[in-house]
Amino acid sequence: MDVTDAIRADAEPASLHQRILADISDRIMSGEWAPGHRIPFEHELSAEYGCSRMTVNKALSQLAKAGLIERRRRSGSFVRRPQSQAAILEIHDIKTEVAALGLPYRYELTSRHKRKSTPDDRERLGLKNSDAVLELTCRHFAGVQPFCLENRLINLAAVPEAADERFEESAPGPWLIGRIPWSAAEHRITAASAEAQTAAALNIAKGSPCLVVERRTWSADHPVTHVRFTYAAGSHALVARFTPSQS
């Protein structure tokens, strides 16, 4: 059951309350109302549906509880950007993250370049010589909205078959996991302001805060890939669980 179904299941059958819930949730889930879009004010919805503001307030409260909208005092209600969660040390699949949000997933390859590694490439991958690399830039969508920007380097000395793979239909992450076992991984998590190119790719304003997750993986001490995932702030959460050390 997705978010929309859950809302409808809780709503009163054949009521104005249900109509308001269904209409607003459908507009959000279809992408007609994008994250950040202001929901009409309570008095506007009350006039549109011919009902009391109490009925409208009840519907909006339920939408907020479901995580579809955010209610801001004195400002109104706004479509909330979907937020996913991922374990910090997990090699996660973005398609699975998007599916957990109840939204359709789409992948798009925006650039692919095979070339000799630069000093910056060698620093990112931890290479000691000028091995050839494959550089990929991809976008992952949740519904109609860009969810994540992926910038990836693949060490072709470690994965030579990647040179012939187009990556036009499927993302490189699952492809790599299915072909070469990783023995170690390193994560680095930072906050950054979106530069013009990143902002355009994620459909956000230049300078908007972003969460950046960088990961480098090895197989038998050989560098395999370095990837940088960039998420708009509020769309992604990292979760870690710890237990007390036994000392």
C-alpha atoms as a PDB file:
ATOM      1  CA  MET A   1       0.000   0.000   0.000  1.00  0.00           C
ATOM      2  CA  ASP A   2       1.522   3.357  -1.025  1.00  0.00           C
ATOM      3  CA  VAL A   3       1.094   6.734   0.674  1.00  0.00           C
ATOM      4  CA  THR A   4      -1.962   7.680  -1.384  1.00  0.00           C
ATOM      5  CA  ASP A   5      -3.693   4.365  -0.660  1.00  0.00           C
ATOM      6  CA  ALA A   6      -2.968   4.738   3.051  1.00  0.00           C
ATOM      7  CA  ILE A   7      -4.505   8.204   3.079  1.00  0.00           C
ATOM      8  CA  ARG A   8      -7.609   7.018   1.278  1.00  0.00           C
ATOM      9  CA  ALA A   9      -7.961   4.006   3.568  1.00  0.00           C
ATOM     10  CA  ASP A  10      -8.039   6.293   6.611  1.00  0.00           C
ATOM     11  CA  ALA A  11     -10.430   8.782   5.060  1.00  0.00           C
ATOM     12  CA  GLU A  12     -14.193   8.781   5.555  1.00  0.00           C
ATOM     13  CA  PRO A  13     -15.869   7.045   2.582  1.00  0.00           C
ATOM     14  CA  ALA A  14     -17.724   9.239   0.071  1.00  0.00           C
ATOM     15  CA  SER A  15     -17.040  12.424   2.043  1.00  0.00           C
ATOM     16  CA  LEU A  16     -15.709  15.877   1.231  1.00  0.00           C
ATOM     17  CA  HIS A  17     -12.827  15.025   3.531  1.00  0.00           C
ATOM     18  CA  GLN A  18     -11.943  12.098   1.250  1.00  0.00           C
ATOM     19  CA  ARG A  19     -12.293  14.203  -1.891  1.00  0.00           C
ATOM     20  CA  ILE A  20      -9.884  16.822  -0.564  1.00  0.00           C
ATOM     21  CA  LEU A  21      -7.383  14.143   0.482  1.00  0.00           C
ATOM     22  CA  ALA A  22      -7.598  12.343  -2.859  1.00  0.00           C
ATOM     23  CA  ASP A  23      -7.405  15.490  -4.989  1.00  0.00           C
ATOM     24  CA  ILE A  24      -4.389  16.965  -3.209  1.00  0.00           C
ATOM     25  CA  SER A  25      -2.492  13.676  -2.870  1.00  0.00           C
ATOM     26  CA  ASP A  26      -3.080  12.871  -6.565  1.00  0.00           C
ATOM     27  CA  ARG A  27      -1.693  16.256  -7.600  1.00  0.00           C
ATOM     28  CA  ILE A  28       1.382  15.717  -5.442  1.00  0.00           C
ATOM     29  CA  MET A  29       2.052  12.100  -6.425  1.00  0.00           C
ATOM     30  CA  SER A  30       1.586  12.857 -10.140  1.00  0.00           C
ATOM     31  CA  GLY A  31       4.089  15.716  -9.954  1.00  0.00           C
ATOM     32  CA  GLU A  32       1.531  18.372 -10.891  1.00  0.00           C
ATOM     33  CA  TRP A  33       2.368  20.046  -7.583  1.00  0.00           C
ATOM     34  CA  ALA A  34       6.146  19.871  -7.191  1.00  0.00           C
ATOM     35  CA  PRO A  35       8.072  20.034  -3.880  1.00  0.00           C
ATOM     36  CA  GLY A  36       7.832  23.556  -2.496  1.00  0.00           C
ATOM     37  CA  HIS A  37       4.496  24.289  -4.195  1.00  0.00           C
ATOM     38  CA  ARG A  38       2.145  26.190  -1.889  1.00  0.00           C
ATOM     39  CA  ILE A  39      -1.141  24.425  -1.198  1.00  0.00           C
ATOM     40  CA  PRO A  40      -4.183  26.753  -1.433  1.00  0.00           C
ATOM     41  CA  PHE A  41      -5.025  28.350   1.907  1.00  0.00           C
ATOM     42  CA  GLU A  42      -7.725  26.794   4.084  1.00  0.00           C
ATOM     43  CA  HIS A  43     -10.277  29.470   3.220  1.00  0.00           C
ATOM     44  CA  GLU A  44      -9.585  28.949  -0.500  1.00  0.00           C
ATOM     45  CA  LEU A  45     -10.102  25.184  -0.246  1.00  0.00           C
ATOM     46  CA  SER A  46     -13.180  25.720   1.907  1.00  0.00           C
ATOM     47  CA  ALA A  47     -14.708  27.908  -0.808  1.00  0.00           C
ATOM     48  CA  GLU A  48     -13.665  25.513  -3.595  1.00  0.00           C
ATOM     49  CA  TYR A  49     -15.219  22.440  -1.957  1.00  0.00           C
ATOM     50  CA  GLY A  50     -18.116  24.176  -0.229  1.00  0.00           C
ATOM     51  CA  CYS A  51     -17.209  22.867   3.205  1.00  0.00           C
ATOM     52  CA  SER A  52     -16.098  24.156   6.589  1.00  0.00           C
ATOM     53  CA  ARG A  53     -12.512  25.118   7.356  1.00  0.00           C
ATOM     54  CA  MET A  54     -12.565  22.401  10.026  1.00  0.00           C
ATOM     55  CA  THR A  55     -12.997  19.757   7.299  1.00  0.00           C
ATOM     56  CA  VAL A  56     -10.150  21.281   5.287  1.00  0.00           C
ATOM     57  CA  ASN A  57      -7.927  21.484   8.357  1.00  0.00           C
ATOM     58  CA  LYS A  58      -8.563  17.822   9.124  1.00  0.00           C
ATOM     59  CA  ALA A  59      -7.559  16.818   5.580  1.00  0.00           C
ATOM     60  CA  LEU A  60      -4.412  18.952   5.603  1.00  0.00           C
ATOM     61  CA  SER A  61      -3.413  17.594   9.011  1.00  0.00           C
ATOM     62  CA  GLN A  62      -3.694  14.050   7.668  1.00  0.00           C
ATOM     63  CA  LEU A  63      -1.613  14.931   4.599  1.00  0.00           C
ATOM     64  CA  ALA A  64       1.054  16.421   6.873  1.00  0.00           C
ATOM     65  CA  LYS A  65       1.028  13.306   9.056  1.00  0.00           C
ATOM     66  CA  ALA A  66       1.537  11.172   5.927  1.00  0.00           C
ATOM     67  CA  GLY A  67       4.580  13.276   5.028  1.00  0.00           C
ATOM     68  CA  LEU A  68       3.179  14.725   1.805  1.00  0.00           C
ATOM     69  CA  ILE A  69       2.948  18.346   2.925  1.00  0.00           C
ATOM     70  CA  GLU A  70       4.622  20.632   5.433  1.00  0.00           C
ATOM     71  CA  ARG A  71       2.532  23.111   7.422  1.00  0.00           C
ATOM     72  CA  ARG A  72       4.256  26.373   8.308  1.00  0.00           C
ATOM     73  CA  ARG A  73       2.748  28.753  10.810  1.00  0.00           C
ATOM     74  CA  ARG A  74       1.579  31.997   9.176  1.00  0.00           C
ATOM     75  CA  SER A  75       2.924  30.872   5.789  1.00  0.00           C
ATOM     76  CA  GLY A  76       0.557  28.076   4.804  1.00  0.00           C
ATOM     77  CA  SER A  77       1.067  24.501   3.639  1.00  0.00           C
ATOM     78  CA  PHE A  78       3.644  23.375   1.085  1.00  0.00           C
ATOM     79  CA  VAL A  79       4.408  20.165  -0.794  1.00  0.00           C
ATOM     80  CA  ARG A  80       7.172  18.407   1.071  1.00  0.00           C
ATOM     81  CA  ARG A  81      10.174  16.983  -0.746  1.00  0.00           C
ATOM     82  CA  PRO A  82      10.136  13.176  -0.269  1.00  0.00           C
ATOM     83  CA  GLN A  83      12.797  12.026   2.175  1.00  0.00           C
ATOM     84  CA  SER A  84      14.502   8.681   1.968  1.00  0.00           C
ATOM     85  CA  GLN A  85      16.677   6.977   4.550  1.00  0.00           C
ATOM     86  CA  ALA A  86      19.846   4.975   4.022  1.00  0.00           C
ATOM     87  CA  ALA A  87      22.218   3.305   6.433  1.00  0.00           C
ATOM     88  CA  ILE A  88      25.520   5.172   6.510  1.00  0.00           C
ATOM     89  CA  LEU A  89      27.692   2.117   5.895  1.00  0.00           C
ATOM     90  CA  GLU A  90      25.361   0.397   3.453  1.00  0.00           C
ATOM     91  CA  ILE A  91      25.979   0.029  -0.287  1.00  0.00           C
ATOM     92  CA  HIS A  92      22.454   1.094  -1.142  1.00  0.00           C
ATOM     93  CA  ASP A  93      20.454   1.062  -4.366  1.00  0.00           C
ATOM     94  CA  ILE A  94      18.780   4.368  -5.229  1.00  0.00           C
ATOM     95  CA  LYS A  95      15.985   2.579  -7.087  1.00  0.00           C
ATOM     96  CA  THR A  96      15.106   0.798  -3.831  1.00  0.00           C
ATOM     97  CA  GLU A  97      15.154   4.120  -1.944  1.00  0.00           C
ATOM     98  CA  VAL A  98      12.707   5.661  -4.402  1.00  0.00           C
ATOM     99  CA  ALA A  99      10.442   2.597  -4.330  1.00  0.00           C
ATOM    100  CA  ALA A 100      10.288   2.903  -0.526  1.00  0.00           C
ATOM    101  CA  LEU A 101       8.807   6.378  -1.022  1.00  0.00           C
ATOM    102  CA  GLY A 102       5.979   4.922  -3.097  1.00  0.00           C
ATOM    103  CA  LEU A 103       7.101   6.859  -6.180  1.00  0.00           C
ATOM    104  CA  PRO A 104       7.995   5.655  -9.683  1.00  0.00           C
ATOM    105  CA  TYR A 105      11.722   5.485 -10.397  1.00  0.00           C
ATOM    106  CA  ARG A 106      13.467   6.656 -13.550  1.00  0.00           C
ATOM    107  CA  TYR A 107      17.154   6.667 -14.485  1.00  0.00           C
ATOM    108  CA  GLU A 108      18.884   8.957 -16.972  1.00  0.00           C
ATOM    109  CA  LEU A 109      22.480   8.896 -18.230  1.00  0.00           C
ATOM    110  CA  THR A 110      23.562  12.453 -19.031  1.00  0.00           C
ATOM    111  CA  SER A 111      27.228  11.956 -19.949  1.00  0.00           C
ATOM    112  CA  ARG A 112      29.743   9.158 -20.529  1.00  0.00           C
ATOM    113  CA  HIS A 113      33.469   9.695 -21.159  1.00  0.00           C
ATOM    114  CA  LYS A 114      36.293   7.166 -21.420  1.00  0.00           C
ATOM    115  CA  ARG A 115      39.670   8.823 -20.959  1.00  0.00           C
ATOM    116  CA  LYS A 116      43.081   8.769 -19.363  1.00  0.00           C
ATOM    117  CA  SER A 117      42.917   9.580 -15.663  1.00  0.00           C
ATOM    118  CA  THR A 118      43.766  13.092 -14.494  1.00  0.00           C
ATOM    119  CA  PRO A 119      45.554  13.935 -11.225  1.00  0.00           C
ATOM    120  CA  ASP A 120      42.141  14.680  -9.686  1.00  0.00           C
ATOM    121  CA  ASP A 121      40.824  11.296 -10.867  1.00  0.00           C
ATOM    122  CA  ARG A 122      43.814   9.527  -9.355  1.00  0.00           C
ATOM    123  CA  GLU A 123      43.274  11.296  -6.046  1.00  0.00           C
ATOM    124  CA  ARG A 124      39.580  10.379  -5.993  1.00  0.00           C
ATOM    125  CA  LEU A 125      40.202   6.739  -6.880  1.00  0.00           C
ATOM    126  CA  GLY A 126      43.505   6.302  -5.073  1.00  0.00           C
ATOM    127  CA  LEU A 127      45.358   5.314  -8.254  1.00  0.00           C
ATOM    128  CA  LYS A 128      49.143   5.253  -8.451  1.00  0.00           C
ATOM    129  CA  ASN A 129      49.442   5.497 -12.236  1.00  0.00           C
ATOM    130  CA  SER A 130      47.622   6.945 -15.241  1.00  0.00           C
ATOM    131  CA  ASP A 131      45.121   4.133 -15.751  1.00  0.00           C
ATOM    132  CA  ALA A 132      42.141   4.751 -18.030  1.00  0.00           C
ATOM    133  CA  VAL A 133      38.864   5.638 -16.350  1.00  0.00           C
ATOM    134  CA  LEU A 134      35.218   5.815 -17.318  1.00  0.00           C
ATOM    135  CA  GLU A 135      33.436   8.943 -16.096  1.00  0.00           C
ATOM    136  CA  LEU A 136      29.636   8.824 -15.822  1.00  0.00           C
ATOM    137  CA  THR A 137      27.074  11.439 -14.842  1.00  0.00           C
ATOM    138  CA  CYS A 138      23.546  10.205 -14.149  1.00  0.00           C
ATOM    139  CA  ARG A 139      20.279  11.453 -12.711  1.00  0.00           C
ATOM    140  CA  HIS A 140      17.845   9.420 -10.641  1.00  0.00           C
ATOM    141  CA  PHE A 141      14.207  10.532 -10.481  1.00  0.00           C
ATOM    142  CA  ALA A 142      11.461  10.027  -7.896  1.00  0.00           C
ATOM    143  CA  GLY A 143       8.269  10.575  -9.841  1.00  0.00           C
ATOM    144  CA  VAL A 144       8.851  13.544 -12.128  1.00  0.00           C
ATOM    145  CA  GLN A 145      11.347  15.234  -9.797  1.00  0.00           C
ATOM    146  CA  PRO A 146      15.142  14.742  -9.851  1.00  0.00           C
ATOM    147  CA  PHE A 147      16.035  12.841  -6.684  1.00  0.00           C
ATOM    148  CA  CYS A 148      19.796  12.384  -6.884  1.00  0.00           C
ATOM    149  CA  LEU A 149      22.715  13.414  -9.100  1.00  0.00           C
ATOM    150  CA  GLU A 150      25.397  10.739  -9.507  1.00  0.00           C
ATOM    151  CA  ASN A 151      28.970  11.463 -10.611  1.00  0.00           C
ATOM    152  CA  ARG A 152      31.033   8.283 -10.914  1.00  0.00           C
ATOM    153  CA  LEU A 153      34.553   7.242 -11.897  1.00  0.00           C
ATOM    154  CA  ILE A 154      35.285   3.594 -12.736  1.00  0.00           C
ATOM    155  CA  ASN A 155      38.842   2.265 -12.804  1.00  0.00           C
ATOM    156  CA  LEU A 156      38.989   0.381 -16.111  1.00  0.00           C
ATOM    157  CA  ALA A 157      42.102  -1.512 -15.030  1.00  0.00           C
ATOM    158  CA  ALA A 158      39.960  -3.145 -12.330  1.00  0.00           C
ATOM    159  CA  VAL A 159      36.777  -3.472 -14.422  1.00  0.00           C
ATOM    160  CA  PRO A 160      37.821  -3.555 -18.115  1.00  0.00           C
ATOM    161  CA  GLU A 161      34.392  -4.755 -19.302  1.00  0.00           C
ATOM    162  CA  ALA A 162      32.881  -1.433 -18.178  1.00  0.00           C
ATOM    163  CA  ALA A 163      34.539   0.209 -21.193  1.00  0.00           C
ATOM    164  CA  ASP A 164      32.035  -1.515 -23.504  1.00  0.00           C
ATOM    165  CA  GLU A 165      28.971  -0.984 -21.323  1.00  0.00           C
ATOM    166  CA  ARG A 166      26.822   1.980 -22.406  1.00  0.00           C
ATOM    167  CA  PHE A 167      24.895   2.403 -19.102  1.00  0.00           C
ATOM    168  CA  GLU A 168      21.996   3.939 -21.005  1.00  0.00           C
ATOM    169  CA  GLU A 169      19.339   1.601 -19.606  1.00  0.00           C
ATOM    170  CA  SER A 170      20.593   0.755 -16.119  1.00  0.00           C
ATOM    171  CA  ALA A 171      22.580   2.556 -13.422  1.00  0.00           C
ATOM    172  CA  PRO A 172      26.271   1.686 -12.956  1.00  0.00           C
ATOM    173  CA  GLY A 173      26.006   0.912  -9.222  1.00  0.00           C
ATOM    174  CA  PRO A 174      23.953  -2.310  -9.456  1.00  0.00           C
ATOM    175  CA  TRP A 175      25.896  -3.291 -12.593  1.00  0.00           C
ATOM    176  CA  LEU A 176      29.215  -3.099 -10.714  1.00  0.00           C
ATOM    177  CA  ILE A 177      27.923  -4.972  -7.669  1.00  0.00           C
ATOM    178  CA  GLY A 178      26.734  -7.776  -9.938  1.00  0.00           C
ATOM    179  CA  ARG A 179      30.114  -8.157 -11.646  1.00  0.00           C
ATOM    180  CA  ILE A 180      32.899  -7.493  -9.188  1.00  0.00           C
ATOM    181  CA  PRO A 181      32.852  -8.219  -5.444  1.00  0.00           C
ATOM    182  CA  TRP A 182      33.869  -5.315  -3.233  1.00  0.00           C
ATOM    183  CA  SER A 183      36.086  -6.004  -0.236  1.00  0.00           C
ATOM    184  CA  ALA A 184      36.234  -2.547   1.353  1.00  0.00           C
ATOM    185  CA  ALA A 185      34.362   0.738   1.165  1.00  0.00           C
ATOM    186  CA  GLU A 186      34.924   4.254   2.426  1.00  0.00           C
ATOM    187  CA  HIS A 187      32.169   6.838   2.912  1.00  0.00           C
ATOM    188  CA  ARG A 188      32.500  10.598   3.226  1.00  0.00           C
ATOM    189  CA  ILE A 189      29.470  12.774   4.005  1.00  0.00           C
ATOM    190  CA  THR A 190      29.463  16.549   3.586  1.00  0.00           C
ATOM    191  CA  ALA A 191      27.124  19.494   3.139  1.00  0.00           C
ATOM    192  CA  ALA A 192      27.503  21.748   0.107  1.00  0.00           C
ATOM    193  CA  SER A 193      25.820  24.591  -1.741  1.00  0.00           C
ATOM    194  CA  ALA A 194      24.544  23.705  -5.197  1.00  0.00           C
ATOM    195  CA  GLU A 195      26.623  25.152  -8.005  1.00  0.00           C
ATOM    196  CA  ALA A 196      24.855  26.193 -11.201  1.00  0.00           C
ATOM    197  CA  GLN A 197      25.274  22.841 -12.979  1.00  0.00           C
ATOM    198  CA  THR A 198      24.199  20.813  -9.944  1.00  0.00           C
ATOM    199  CA  ALA A 199      21.249  23.116  -9.284  1.00  0.00           C
ATOM    200  CA  ALA A 200      20.038  22.729 -12.867  1.00  0.00           C
ATOM    201  CA  ALA A 201      20.368  18.935 -12.696  1.00  0.00           C
ATOM    202  CA  LEU A 202      18.384  18.713  -9.448  1.00  0.00           C
ATOM    203  CA  ASN A 203      15.865  21.407 -10.402  1.00  0.00           C
ATOM    204  CA  ILE A 204      16.708  23.550  -7.376  1.00  0.00           C
ATOM    205  CA  ALA A 205      17.932  27.118  -6.947  1.00  0.00           C
ATOM    206  CA  LYS A 206      21.640  27.852  -7.237  1.00  0.00           C
ATOM    207  CA  GLY A 207      23.186  27.946  -3.768  1.00  0.00           C
ATOM    208  CA  SER A 208      20.571  25.618  -2.258  1.00  0.00           C
ATOM    209  CA  PRO A 209      21.919  23.333   0.490  1.00  0.00           C
ATOM    210  CA  CYS A 210      22.728  19.775  -0.578  1.00  0.00           C
ATOM    211  CA  LEU A 211      23.810  16.552   1.079  1.00  0.00           C
ATOM    212  CA  VAL A 212      26.805  14.937  -0.644  1.00  0.00           C
ATOM    213  CA  VAL A 213      27.655  11.277  -0.059  1.00  0.00           C
ATOM    214  CA  GLU A 214      30.970  10.107  -1.536  1.00  0.00           C
ATOM    215  CA  ARG A 215      31.943   6.458  -1.629  1.00  0.00           C
ATOM    216  CA  ARG A 216      35.106   4.710  -2.747  1.00  0.00           C
ATOM    217  CA  THR A 217      35.247   0.920  -3.053  1.00  0.00           C
ATOM    218  CA  TRP A 218      38.028  -1.607  -3.474  1.00  0.00           C
ATOM    219  CA  SER A 219      38.204  -5.231  -4.564  1.00  0.00           C
ATOM    220  CA  ALA A 220      41.191  -7.172  -3.242  1.00  0.00           C
ATOM    221  CA  ASP A 221      43.054  -3.892  -2.591  1.00  0.00           C
ATOM    222  CA  HIS A 222      42.407  -2.620  -6.138  1.00  0.00           C
ATOM    223  CA  PRO A 223      40.441   0.656  -6.434  1.00  0.00           C
ATOM    224  CA  VAL A 224      37.208  -0.014  -8.326  1.00  0.00           C
ATOM    225  CA  THR A 225      35.060   3.109  -8.271  1.00  0.00           C
ATOM    226  CA  HIS A 226      34.529   6.493  -6.683  1.00  0.00           C
ATOM    227  CA  VAL A 227      31.001   7.882  -6.709  1.00  0.00           C
ATOM    228  CA  ARG A 228      29.535  11.164  -5.537  1.00  0.00           C
ATOM    229  CA  PHE A 229      25.784  11.254  -4.835  1.00  0.00           C
ATOM    230  CA  THR A 230      24.269  14.719  -4.424  1.00  0.00           C
ATOM    231  CA  TYR A 231      20.808  15.147  -2.897  1.00  0.00           C
ATOM    232  CA  ALA A 232      18.817  18.321  -2.353  1.00  0.00           C
ATOM    233  CA  ALA A 233      18.628  19.046   1.372  1.00  0.00           C
ATOM    234  CA  GLY A 234      15.560  17.445   2.914  1.00  0.00           C
ATOM    235  CA  SER A 235      15.284  14.659   0.341  1.00  0.00           C
ATOM    236  CA  HIS A 236      17.593  12.169   2.036  1.00  0.00           C
ATOM    237  CA  ALA A 237      18.517  11.083   5.555  1.00  0.00           C
ATOM    238  CA  LEU A 238      21.402   8.930   6.723  1.00  0.00           C
ATOM    239  CA  VAL A 239      20.736   6.547   9.582  1.00  0.00           C
ATOM    240  CA  ALA A 240      23.195   4.685  11.782  1.00  0.00           C
ATOM    241  CA  ARG A 241      22.541   2.336  14.675  1.00  0.00           C
ATOM    242  CA  PHE A 242      25.128   1.748  17.390  1.00  0.00           C
ATOM    243  CA  THR A 243      25.480  -0.482  20.408  1.00  0.00           C
ATOM    244  CA  PRO A 244      27.599   0.308  23.484  1.00  0.00           C
ATOM    245  CA  SER A 245      31.162  -0.953  23.325  1.00  0.00           C
ATOM    246  CA  GLN A 246      31.998  -3.732  25.736  1.00  0.00           C
ATOM    247  CA  SER A 247      34.945  -2.478  27.771  1.00  0.00           C
END
